[in-house]
N, C-alpha and C. Protein backbone atom coordinates (compact mmCIF):
# COMPACT_ATOMS: atom_id res chain seq x y z
N MET A 1 -9.21 12.67 -12.70
CA MET A 1 -9.11 11.74 -11.25
C MET A 1 -8.09 11.81 -10.05
N SER A 2 -8.18 12.58 -8.53
CA SER A 2 -7.10 12.73 -7.54
C SER A 2 -6.03 10.81 -7.62
N THR A 3 -5.61 10.66 -7.25
CA THR A 3 -4.31 9.94 -6.71
C THR A 3 -4.94 9.94 -5.54
N TRP A 4 -4.56 8.77 -4.25
CA TRP A 4 -4.04 8.76 -3.20
C TRP A 4 -3.94 9.94 -2.62
N GLU A 5 -1.97 10.15 -2.90
CA GLU A 5 -1.12 10.73 -2.58
C GLU A 5 -1.76 12.18 -2.87
N ASP A 6 -2.83 12.30 -4.14
CA ASP A 6 -3.25 14.07 -4.12
C ASP A 6 -4.32 14.32 -2.71
N ALA A 7 -4.84 13.07 -2.72
CA ALA A 7 -5.74 13.19 -1.29
C ALA A 7 -5.34 13.53 -0.41
N VAL A 8 -4.23 12.52 -0.15
CA VAL A 8 -3.44 12.79 0.84
C VAL A 8 -3.21 14.90 1.72
N ARG A 9 -2.40 15.16 0.03
CA ARG A 9 -1.91 16.57 0.51
C ARG A 9 -3.03 17.73 0.28
N ALA A 10 -4.39 16.93 -0.04
CA ALA A 10 -5.81 18.08 0.22
C ALA A 10 -5.91 17.92 1.32
N ALA A 11 -6.14 16.70 1.91
CA ALA A 11 -6.92 16.44 3.07
C ALA A 11 -6.41 15.52 4.21
N PRO A 12 -4.93 15.83 4.48
CA PRO A 12 -4.03 14.87 5.13
C PRO A 12 -4.47 14.87 6.16
N ALA A 13 -5.85 14.98 6.87
CA ALA A 13 -6.20 14.36 8.39
C ALA A 13 -6.76 13.76 7.92
N ILE A 14 -7.74 14.00 7.36
CA ILE A 14 -8.40 12.86 6.77
C ILE A 14 -8.06 11.26 6.05
N ALA A 15 -7.07 11.92 5.27
CA ALA A 15 -6.79 10.65 4.61
C ALA A 15 -5.97 10.03 5.35
N GLY A 16 -5.16 10.84 6.46
CA GLY A 16 -4.91 9.62 7.47
C GLY A 16 -5.67 8.63 8.22
N LEU A 17 -6.68 9.46 8.64
CA LEU A 17 -7.84 8.67 9.37
C LEU A 17 -8.12 7.37 8.92
N ALA A 18 -8.45 7.39 7.08
CA ALA A 18 -9.08 6.24 6.83
C ALA A 18 -8.38 5.09 6.34
N ARG A 19 -6.92 5.59 6.52
CA ARG A 19 -6.13 4.61 5.91
C ARG A 19 -5.76 3.59 7.13
N SER A 20 -5.51 4.32 8.54
CA SER A 20 -5.11 4.11 9.76
C SER A 20 -6.60 2.81 10.06
N ARG A 21 -7.87 3.59 9.77
CA ARG A 21 -9.01 2.72 10.39
C ARG A 21 -9.03 1.29 9.61
N ILE A 22 -8.25 1.41 7.38
CA ILE A 22 -8.98 0.42 7.32
C ILE A 22 -7.43 -0.41 7.36
N GLU A 23 -6.24 0.63 8.22
CA GLU A 23 -5.16 -0.23 7.66
C GLU A 23 -5.01 -1.45 9.69
N ALA A 24 -6.05 -0.48 10.26
CA ALA A 24 -6.42 -1.20 11.73
C ALA A 24 -6.81 -3.20 11.70
N THR A 25 -7.46 -2.86 10.75
CA THR A 25 -8.31 -4.44 10.28
C THR A 25 -7.91 -5.69 9.06
N GLY A 26 -7.35 -4.17 8.42
CA GLY A 26 -6.90 -5.22 6.87
C GLY A 26 -7.84 -5.46 6.13
N LEU A 27 -9.27 -4.58 6.64
CA LEU A 27 -10.09 -5.14 5.73
C LEU A 27 -10.88 -3.72 5.22
N ALA A 28 -11.71 -4.10 4.32
CA ALA A 28 -13.12 -2.74 4.69
C ALA A 28 -14.23 -4.02 3.23
N LEU A 29 -15.14 -3.04 3.10
CA LEU A 29 -16.49 -3.01 2.47
C LEU A 29 -16.57 -2.67 1.15
N LEU A 30 -16.81 -3.11 0.23
CA LEU A 30 -16.79 -2.22 -1.43
C LEU A 30 -18.12 -2.51 -1.42
N ALA A 31 -18.19 -1.80 -2.34
CA ALA A 31 -19.43 -0.98 -2.13
C ALA A 31 -19.46 -1.57 -4.10
N THR A 32 -20.36 -1.54 -4.71
CA THR A 32 -20.16 -2.05 -6.59
C THR A 32 -22.20 -1.82 -7.18
N ILE A 33 -22.13 -1.72 -7.90
CA ILE A 33 -23.18 -1.65 -9.28
C ILE A 33 -22.96 -3.07 -9.88
N ARG A 34 -24.68 -3.55 -9.67
CA ARG A 34 -24.29 -5.51 -10.07
C ARG A 34 -24.60 -4.36 -11.74
N SER A 35 -24.68 -5.95 -12.57
CA SER A 35 -25.46 -5.50 -14.05
C SER A 35 -27.13 -4.89 -13.75
N ASP A 36 -27.70 -5.37 -12.92
CA ASP A 36 -29.14 -5.58 -12.82
C ASP A 36 -29.18 -4.03 -11.79
N GLY A 37 -28.15 -3.23 -11.62
CA GLY A 37 -28.57 -1.81 -10.99
C GLY A 37 -28.35 -1.81 -9.89
N PHE A 38 -28.60 -3.24 -9.15
CA PHE A 38 -28.37 -3.07 -7.73
C PHE A 38 -27.19 -3.14 -6.66
N PRO A 39 -27.32 -2.53 -5.64
CA PRO A 39 -25.32 -2.31 -5.12
C PRO A 39 -25.25 -3.91 -4.55
N ARG A 40 -24.43 -4.33 -4.45
CA ARG A 40 -23.22 -5.46 -3.64
C ARG A 40 -22.27 -5.18 -2.98
N LEU A 41 -22.42 -5.64 -2.18
CA LEU A 41 -21.48 -5.55 -0.87
C LEU A 41 -20.37 -6.67 -0.61
N SER A 42 -19.13 -6.00 -0.52
CA SER A 42 -18.54 -7.16 -1.01
C SER A 42 -16.90 -6.96 0.24
N GLY A 43 -16.42 -7.88 0.57
CA GLY A 43 -15.07 -7.61 1.11
C GLY A 43 -14.14 -7.42 0.27
N VAL A 44 -12.57 -6.59 1.22
CA VAL A 44 -12.22 -6.55 0.04
C VAL A 44 -10.70 -5.98 1.50
N GLU A 45 -10.30 -6.56 0.80
CA GLU A 45 -8.05 -6.19 1.11
C GLU A 45 -7.69 -4.76 0.36
N PRO A 46 -7.65 -3.88 0.95
CA PRO A 46 -7.22 -2.45 0.48
C PRO A 46 -5.90 -2.49 0.59
N LEU A 47 -5.09 -1.83 -0.56
CA LEU A 47 -3.62 -2.00 0.73
C LEU A 47 -3.21 -0.60 -0.20
N PHE A 48 -2.69 0.27 0.97
CA PHE A 48 -1.86 1.13 0.16
C PHE A 48 -0.37 1.80 0.11
N SER A 49 -0.51 2.55 -0.96
CA SER A 49 1.28 2.92 -1.00
C SER A 49 1.22 5.02 -0.79
N ASP A 50 2.19 4.88 -1.04
CA ASP A 50 2.31 6.15 -0.64
C ASP A 50 2.05 6.83 -1.77
N ARG A 51 1.77 6.49 -3.13
CA ARG A 51 1.00 7.11 -4.27
C ARG A 51 -0.45 6.71 -4.52
N ASP A 52 -0.37 5.46 -4.17
CA ASP A 52 -1.99 4.98 -4.67
C ASP A 52 -2.91 4.52 -3.94
N LEU A 53 -3.94 3.93 -3.56
CA LEU A 53 -4.88 2.95 -3.21
C LEU A 53 -5.25 1.76 -4.54
N TRP A 54 -4.82 0.18 -3.76
CA TRP A 54 -4.79 -0.47 -4.89
C TRP A 54 -6.10 -1.25 -3.88
N LEU A 55 -6.66 -1.66 -4.92
CA LEU A 55 -7.39 -2.96 -4.85
C LEU A 55 -7.33 -4.37 -5.51
N GLY A 56 -7.06 -5.51 -5.24
CA GLY A 56 -7.33 -7.02 -5.75
C GLY A 56 -7.40 -7.67 -5.54
N MET A 57 -8.30 -8.67 -6.88
CA MET A 57 -9.66 -9.70 -6.49
C MET A 57 -9.06 -10.86 -7.58
N MET A 58 -9.67 -11.95 -7.45
CA MET A 58 -9.26 -12.51 -7.73
C MET A 58 -10.12 -12.78 -9.17
N PRO A 59 -10.16 -13.59 -10.34
CA PRO A 59 -10.44 -13.51 -11.33
C PRO A 59 -11.90 -14.17 -11.91
N ARG A 60 -12.15 -13.09 -12.07
CA ARG A 60 -13.69 -14.09 -12.24
C ARG A 60 -15.04 -13.64 -11.16
N SER A 61 -14.01 -12.76 -10.59
CA SER A 61 -15.13 -12.10 -8.96
C SER A 61 -16.13 -11.62 -9.54
N ARG A 62 -17.25 -11.60 -9.02
CA ARG A 62 -18.58 -10.79 -9.40
C ARG A 62 -17.66 -8.92 -8.98
N LYS A 63 -17.83 -9.20 -7.98
CA LYS A 63 -16.73 -7.27 -7.65
C LYS A 63 -15.98 -7.36 -8.41
N ALA A 64 -14.97 -8.32 -9.15
CA ALA A 64 -14.53 -7.37 -10.38
C ALA A 64 -14.92 -6.97 -11.74
N ALA A 65 -15.72 -8.06 -11.84
CA ALA A 65 -16.73 -7.83 -13.10
C ALA A 65 -17.57 -6.57 -13.24
N ASP A 66 -18.70 -6.35 -11.97
CA ASP A 66 -19.17 -5.06 -11.69
C ASP A 66 -18.51 -3.94 -12.08
N LEU A 67 -17.05 -3.39 -11.09
CA LEU A 67 -16.06 -2.36 -11.16
C LEU A 67 -15.80 -2.51 -13.05
N LEU A 68 -15.79 -4.28 -13.53
CA LEU A 68 -15.41 -3.82 -14.92
C LEU A 68 -16.06 -2.76 -16.06
N ARG A 69 -16.83 -2.92 -15.34
CA ARG A 69 -18.32 -2.55 -16.28
C ARG A 69 -18.61 -1.37 -15.70
N ASP A 70 -18.67 -1.42 -14.30
CA ASP A 70 -19.12 0.02 -14.25
C ASP A 70 -17.85 0.42 -12.99
N PRO A 71 -16.90 1.75 -13.14
CA PRO A 71 -16.13 1.46 -11.79
C PRO A 71 -15.89 1.95 -10.79
N ARG A 72 -17.55 3.22 -10.35
CA ARG A 72 -17.89 3.38 -9.29
C ARG A 72 -17.74 2.98 -7.99
N LEU A 73 -17.28 2.78 -6.97
CA LEU A 73 -17.10 2.36 -5.68
C LEU A 73 -17.27 3.58 -4.88
N CYS A 74 -17.93 2.65 -3.80
CA CYS A 74 -17.24 2.96 -2.21
C CYS A 74 -16.27 2.25 -1.75
N LEU A 75 -16.01 2.73 -0.61
CA LEU A 75 -15.43 1.59 0.66
C LEU A 75 -15.22 2.04 2.06
N HIS A 76 -15.82 1.16 2.46
CA HIS A 76 -15.73 1.65 3.92
C HIS A 76 -14.93 0.62 4.81
N ASN A 77 -14.08 1.00 5.55
CA ASN A 77 -13.50 0.37 6.74
C ASN A 77 -15.08 -0.47 7.55
N ALA A 78 -13.72 -1.99 8.24
CA ALA A 78 -14.53 -2.75 8.78
C ALA A 78 -14.95 -2.12 10.30
N THR A 79 -16.27 -2.13 10.35
CA THR A 79 -16.90 -1.58 12.07
C THR A 79 -16.27 -2.47 12.70
N VAL A 80 -15.89 -2.38 13.69
CA VAL A 80 -15.10 -2.98 14.72
C VAL A 80 -16.12 -2.88 16.18
N ASP A 81 -17.15 -1.66 16.16
CA ASP A 81 -17.79 -1.56 17.77
C ASP A 81 -19.11 -0.50 17.19
N LYS A 82 -20.24 -0.76 17.70
CA LYS A 82 -21.22 0.24 17.59
C LYS A 82 -21.34 1.34 17.49
N ASP A 83 -20.60 1.82 18.88
CA ASP A 83 -20.14 3.41 18.66
C ASP A 83 -18.72 3.83 18.63
N VAL A 84 -18.01 2.98 17.96
CA VAL A 84 -17.59 3.79 16.45
C VAL A 84 -16.03 4.72 16.79
N LYS A 85 -15.72 4.03 18.31
CA LYS A 85 -14.87 4.97 19.53
C LYS A 85 -13.89 5.30 18.65
N GLU A 86 -13.34 4.30 17.42
CA GLU A 86 -12.55 5.10 16.62
C GLU A 86 -11.90 5.42 15.47
N GLY A 87 -13.55 6.18 14.80
CA GLY A 87 -13.92 6.33 13.84
C GLY A 87 -14.61 5.71 12.26
N ASP A 88 -14.88 5.86 11.53
CA ASP A 88 -15.56 5.43 10.46
C ASP A 88 -15.29 6.77 9.33
N VAL A 89 -14.78 5.03 7.69
CA VAL A 89 -14.38 6.36 7.07
C VAL A 89 -14.92 5.32 5.92
N LYS A 90 -15.20 6.80 5.03
CA LYS A 90 -15.31 5.77 3.06
C LYS A 90 -14.23 7.07 2.39
N ILE A 91 -14.57 5.90 1.19
CA ILE A 91 -13.66 6.34 0.65
C ILE A 91 -13.88 6.04 -0.58
N THR A 92 -15.09 7.12 -1.53
CA THR A 92 -15.38 7.15 -2.88
C THR A 92 -14.76 7.66 -4.01
N GLY A 93 -15.27 6.62 -5.18
CA GLY A 93 -14.32 6.79 -6.79
C GLY A 93 -14.23 5.79 -7.39
N ARG A 94 -13.78 6.04 -8.47
CA ARG A 94 -13.64 5.24 -9.52
C ARG A 94 -12.53 3.99 -9.93
N ALA A 95 -12.57 2.97 -9.73
CA ALA A 95 -11.62 1.72 -10.24
C ALA A 95 -11.06 1.91 -11.88
N LEU A 96 -9.53 2.25 -11.38
CA LEU A 96 -9.13 2.41 -12.76
C LEU A 96 -8.00 1.22 -12.80
N VAL A 97 -8.70 0.69 -13.93
CA VAL A 97 -8.11 -1.01 -13.96
C VAL A 97 -6.46 -0.59 -14.60
N VAL A 98 -6.23 -1.65 -13.94
CA VAL A 98 -4.06 -2.09 -14.27
C VAL A 98 -4.18 -3.18 -15.12
N GLU A 99 -3.10 -3.08 -15.97
CA GLU A 99 -3.31 -4.07 -17.30
C GLU A 99 -1.52 -3.70 -17.54
N ASP A 100 -0.57 -3.46 -17.01
CA ASP A 100 0.42 -3.34 -17.78
C ASP A 100 0.92 -4.82 -16.75
N GLU A 101 1.97 -5.21 -16.91
CA GLU A 101 2.59 -6.69 -16.02
C GLU A 101 2.82 -6.10 -14.95
N PRO A 102 4.29 -4.95 -15.68
CA PRO A 102 5.55 -4.66 -15.10
C PRO A 102 4.27 -3.99 -13.36
N THR A 103 3.26 -3.31 -13.98
CA THR A 103 2.92 -2.54 -12.47
C THR A 103 2.00 -4.06 -11.53
N ILE A 104 1.30 -4.48 -12.51
CA ILE A 104 1.21 -5.79 -11.69
C ILE A 104 1.54 -6.68 -10.76
N GLY A 105 2.83 -6.75 -10.89
CA GLY A 105 4.38 -7.40 -10.29
C GLY A 105 4.41 -6.30 -9.18
N GLU A 106 3.99 -5.27 -9.50
CA GLU A 106 4.66 -4.74 -8.21
C GLU A 106 3.55 -4.68 -7.46
N PHE A 107 2.18 -4.35 -7.72
CA PHE A 107 1.15 -5.10 -6.59
C PHE A 107 1.48 -6.46 -6.17
N ARG A 108 1.15 -7.19 -6.87
CA ARG A 108 2.12 -8.80 -5.97
C ARG A 108 3.58 -8.57 -5.20
N ASP A 109 3.91 -8.04 -5.43
CA ASP A 109 5.23 -7.69 -4.69
C ASP A 109 4.56 -7.46 -3.08
N MET A 110 4.07 -5.63 -3.30
CA MET A 110 3.66 -5.18 -2.11
C MET A 110 2.76 -6.22 -0.79
N VAL A 111 1.89 -6.75 -2.14
CA VAL A 111 0.27 -7.78 -1.55
C VAL A 111 1.86 -9.66 -0.25
N LYS A 112 2.72 -9.21 -1.26
CA LYS A 112 3.67 -10.72 -0.71
C LYS A 112 4.20 -10.13 0.99
N ALA A 113 4.46 -8.77 0.00
CA ALA A 113 5.73 -7.88 1.35
C ALA A 113 4.46 -7.37 2.59
N ALA A 114 3.62 -7.23 2.51
CA ALA A 114 2.79 -6.68 3.65
C ALA A 114 1.74 -8.30 4.29
N SER A 115 1.77 -8.90 3.39
CA SER A 115 1.10 -10.27 4.45
C SER A 115 1.88 -11.99 4.26
N GLY A 116 2.61 -11.76 2.91
CA GLY A 116 3.15 -13.18 2.64
C GLY A 116 2.25 -13.93 1.98
N PHE A 117 1.76 -13.37 1.52
CA PHE A 117 0.76 -14.08 0.92
C PHE A 117 1.08 -14.45 -0.62
N ASP A 118 1.47 -14.79 -1.45
CA ASP A 118 1.58 -14.52 -2.98
C ASP A 118 0.48 -14.59 -3.77
N PRO A 119 -0.11 -13.38 -4.03
CA PRO A 119 -2.22 -13.71 -4.34
C PRO A 119 -1.50 -14.70 -6.45
N GLY A 120 -0.35 -14.26 -6.89
CA GLY A 120 -0.56 -15.37 -8.02
C GLY A 120 -0.56 -14.69 -9.25
N THR A 121 -0.66 -15.09 -10.72
CA THR A 121 -0.06 -13.89 -11.51
C THR A 121 -2.37 -13.48 -12.05
N ALA A 122 -2.97 -14.47 -11.90
CA ALA A 122 -4.49 -14.53 -12.58
C ALA A 122 -5.01 -13.62 -11.53
N LEU A 123 -4.68 -12.37 -11.85
CA LEU A 123 -5.99 -11.44 -11.32
C LEU A 123 -6.07 -10.37 -11.47
N HIS A 124 -7.40 -9.03 -10.93
CA HIS A 124 -7.51 -7.89 -11.49
C HIS A 124 -7.05 -6.81 -10.24
N VAL A 125 -6.50 -6.28 -10.99
CA VAL A 125 -5.85 -4.69 -10.40
C VAL A 125 -6.49 -3.48 -10.65
N PHE A 126 -6.73 -2.73 -9.47
CA PHE A 126 -7.56 -1.47 -9.88
C PHE A 126 -6.19 -0.85 -9.07
N ARG A 127 -6.37 0.69 -9.24
CA ARG A 127 -6.40 2.00 -8.39
C ARG A 127 -7.48 2.41 -8.62
N VAL A 128 -7.99 3.40 -6.75
CA VAL A 128 -8.55 3.43 -7.25
C VAL A 128 -8.77 4.68 -7.73
N GLY A 129 -9.54 5.86 -8.11
CA GLY A 129 -9.74 7.06 -8.33
C GLY A 129 -10.08 8.16 -6.85
N VAL A 130 -9.68 8.60 -6.40
CA VAL A 130 -10.07 8.89 -5.22
C VAL A 130 -11.31 10.72 -5.61
N GLN A 131 -12.69 10.55 -5.20
CA GLN A 131 -13.66 11.76 -5.17
C GLN A 131 -13.92 12.11 -3.78
N GLU A 132 -13.88 11.50 -2.93
CA GLU A 132 -14.03 11.72 -2.14
C GLU A 132 -14.04 11.07 -0.54
N LEU A 133 -13.59 11.62 0.27
CA LEU A 133 -13.25 11.10 1.92
C LEU A 133 -13.91 11.64 2.59
N ALA A 134 -14.94 10.85 3.53
CA ALA A 134 -15.39 10.74 4.68
C ALA A 134 -15.68 10.04 6.24
N THR A 135 -15.34 11.04 7.11
CA THR A 135 -15.30 10.25 7.88
C THR A 135 -16.24 10.61 9.29
N GLY A 136 -16.75 9.96 10.19
CA GLY A 136 -17.06 10.21 11.16
C GLY A 136 -16.53 10.04 12.55
N ARG A 137 -16.76 10.26 13.50
CA ARG A 137 -15.84 9.56 14.82
C ARG A 137 -16.57 10.81 15.96
N PRO A 138 -16.89 9.51 17.44
CA PRO A 138 -17.19 10.68 18.31
C PRO A 138 -16.43 11.99 19.30
N GLY A 139 -17.09 12.90 19.53
CA GLY A 139 -16.35 14.01 19.30
C GLY A 139 -16.59 14.49 21.44
N GLY A 140 -16.32 13.26 22.30
CA GLY A 140 -17.36 13.55 23.64
C GLY A 140 -19.04 13.35 23.61
N ASN A 141 -19.86 14.62 23.08
CA ASN A 141 -20.73 14.30 23.51
C ASN A 141 -21.60 14.97 21.88
N HIS A 142 -21.04 14.18 21.00
CA HIS A 142 -21.14 15.06 19.56
C HIS A 142 -20.61 14.24 18.61
N LEU A 143 -20.83 14.08 16.93
CA LEU A 143 -20.21 13.37 15.91
C LEU A 143 -19.72 14.23 15.74
N VAL A 144 -18.19 13.82 15.25
CA VAL A 144 -17.30 15.05 14.10
C VAL A 144 -17.69 14.18 12.97
N ILE A 145 -18.18 15.03 12.33
CA ILE A 145 -18.31 14.51 10.52
C ILE A 145 -16.70 15.45 9.18
N GLU A 146 -16.16 14.87 8.87
CA GLU A 146 -14.95 15.58 8.27
C GLU A 146 -15.26 14.66 6.60
N TRP A 147 -15.09 15.66 5.87
CA TRP A 147 -14.96 15.28 4.68
C TRP A 147 -14.53 15.99 3.54
N TRP A 148 -14.34 15.75 2.30
CA TRP A 148 -13.48 16.21 1.23
C TRP A 148 -13.59 16.02 0.06
N ARG A 149 -14.27 16.25 -0.65
CA ARG A 149 -14.33 16.29 -2.31
C ARG A 149 -13.51 16.77 -3.04
N GLU A 150 -13.24 15.87 -4.22
CA GLU A 150 -11.59 16.36 -5.28
C GLU A 150 -12.10 18.16 -5.58
N GLY A 151 -10.99 18.45 -5.61
CA GLY A 151 -10.94 19.94 -6.66
C GLY A 151 -11.76 20.52 -5.04
N GLY A 152 -11.88 20.14 -4.13
CA GLY A 152 -12.56 21.15 -2.69
C GLY A 152 -11.73 21.12 -1.36
N THR A 153 -12.10 21.89 -0.40
CA THR A 153 -11.48 21.67 0.36
C THR A 153 -11.73 21.25 1.61
N PRO A 154 -11.02 20.33 2.83
CA PRO A 154 -11.91 19.57 4.20
C PRO A 154 -12.80 20.66 4.77
N GLN A 155 -13.61 20.25 4.75
CA GLN A 155 -14.85 20.31 5.43
C GLN A 155 -15.17 19.17 6.80
N ARG A 156 -15.94 20.40 7.90
CA ARG A 156 -16.06 19.52 9.27
C ARG A 156 -17.35 20.11 9.77
N LEU A 157 -18.32 19.46 10.38
CA LEU A 157 -19.28 19.69 10.96
C LEU A 157 -19.20 18.73 12.25
N GLU A 158 -19.71 19.39 13.31
CA GLU A 158 -20.79 19.08 14.49
C GLU A 158 -21.95 18.67 14.66
N ARG A 159 -22.41 17.62 15.22
CA ARG A 159 -23.87 17.08 15.31
C ARG A 159 -23.90 16.64 16.50
N THR A 160 -24.80 17.08 17.23
CA THR A 160 -25.54 16.49 18.91
C THR A 160 -26.42 15.37 18.46
């Protein structure tokens, strides 16, 4: 499973756009799989470090329960306009549970530094194992779609 750092190394332009679009609002939509098999869409505040993409959640939240049961996920940036002038991004992968206290403490420190908010000690922390990055953005009179899948090379498609 690729780390965020691996994805950046393999597809720097796509990963750069993905990170900038999510960090522009600090929000993303998280798709998980409910226990009944239906999808769940939840808001989340992803946090990037040089090596990892992190997700923190309140204890006993439904999205955390979903990921603990089935780690498959998809993140989509918060779309801010119907014309997607700045582009939309998706990150697909798996949630990797973080349970060791030193790493959870590191995550809490990152949250405090980024937002001034202290998330406390009762929380679920996940790293995202990245399997796919995808972006779509306008390119004049056409749509530019770029993607990368783990183990592959960046791809590009233009649609009119």
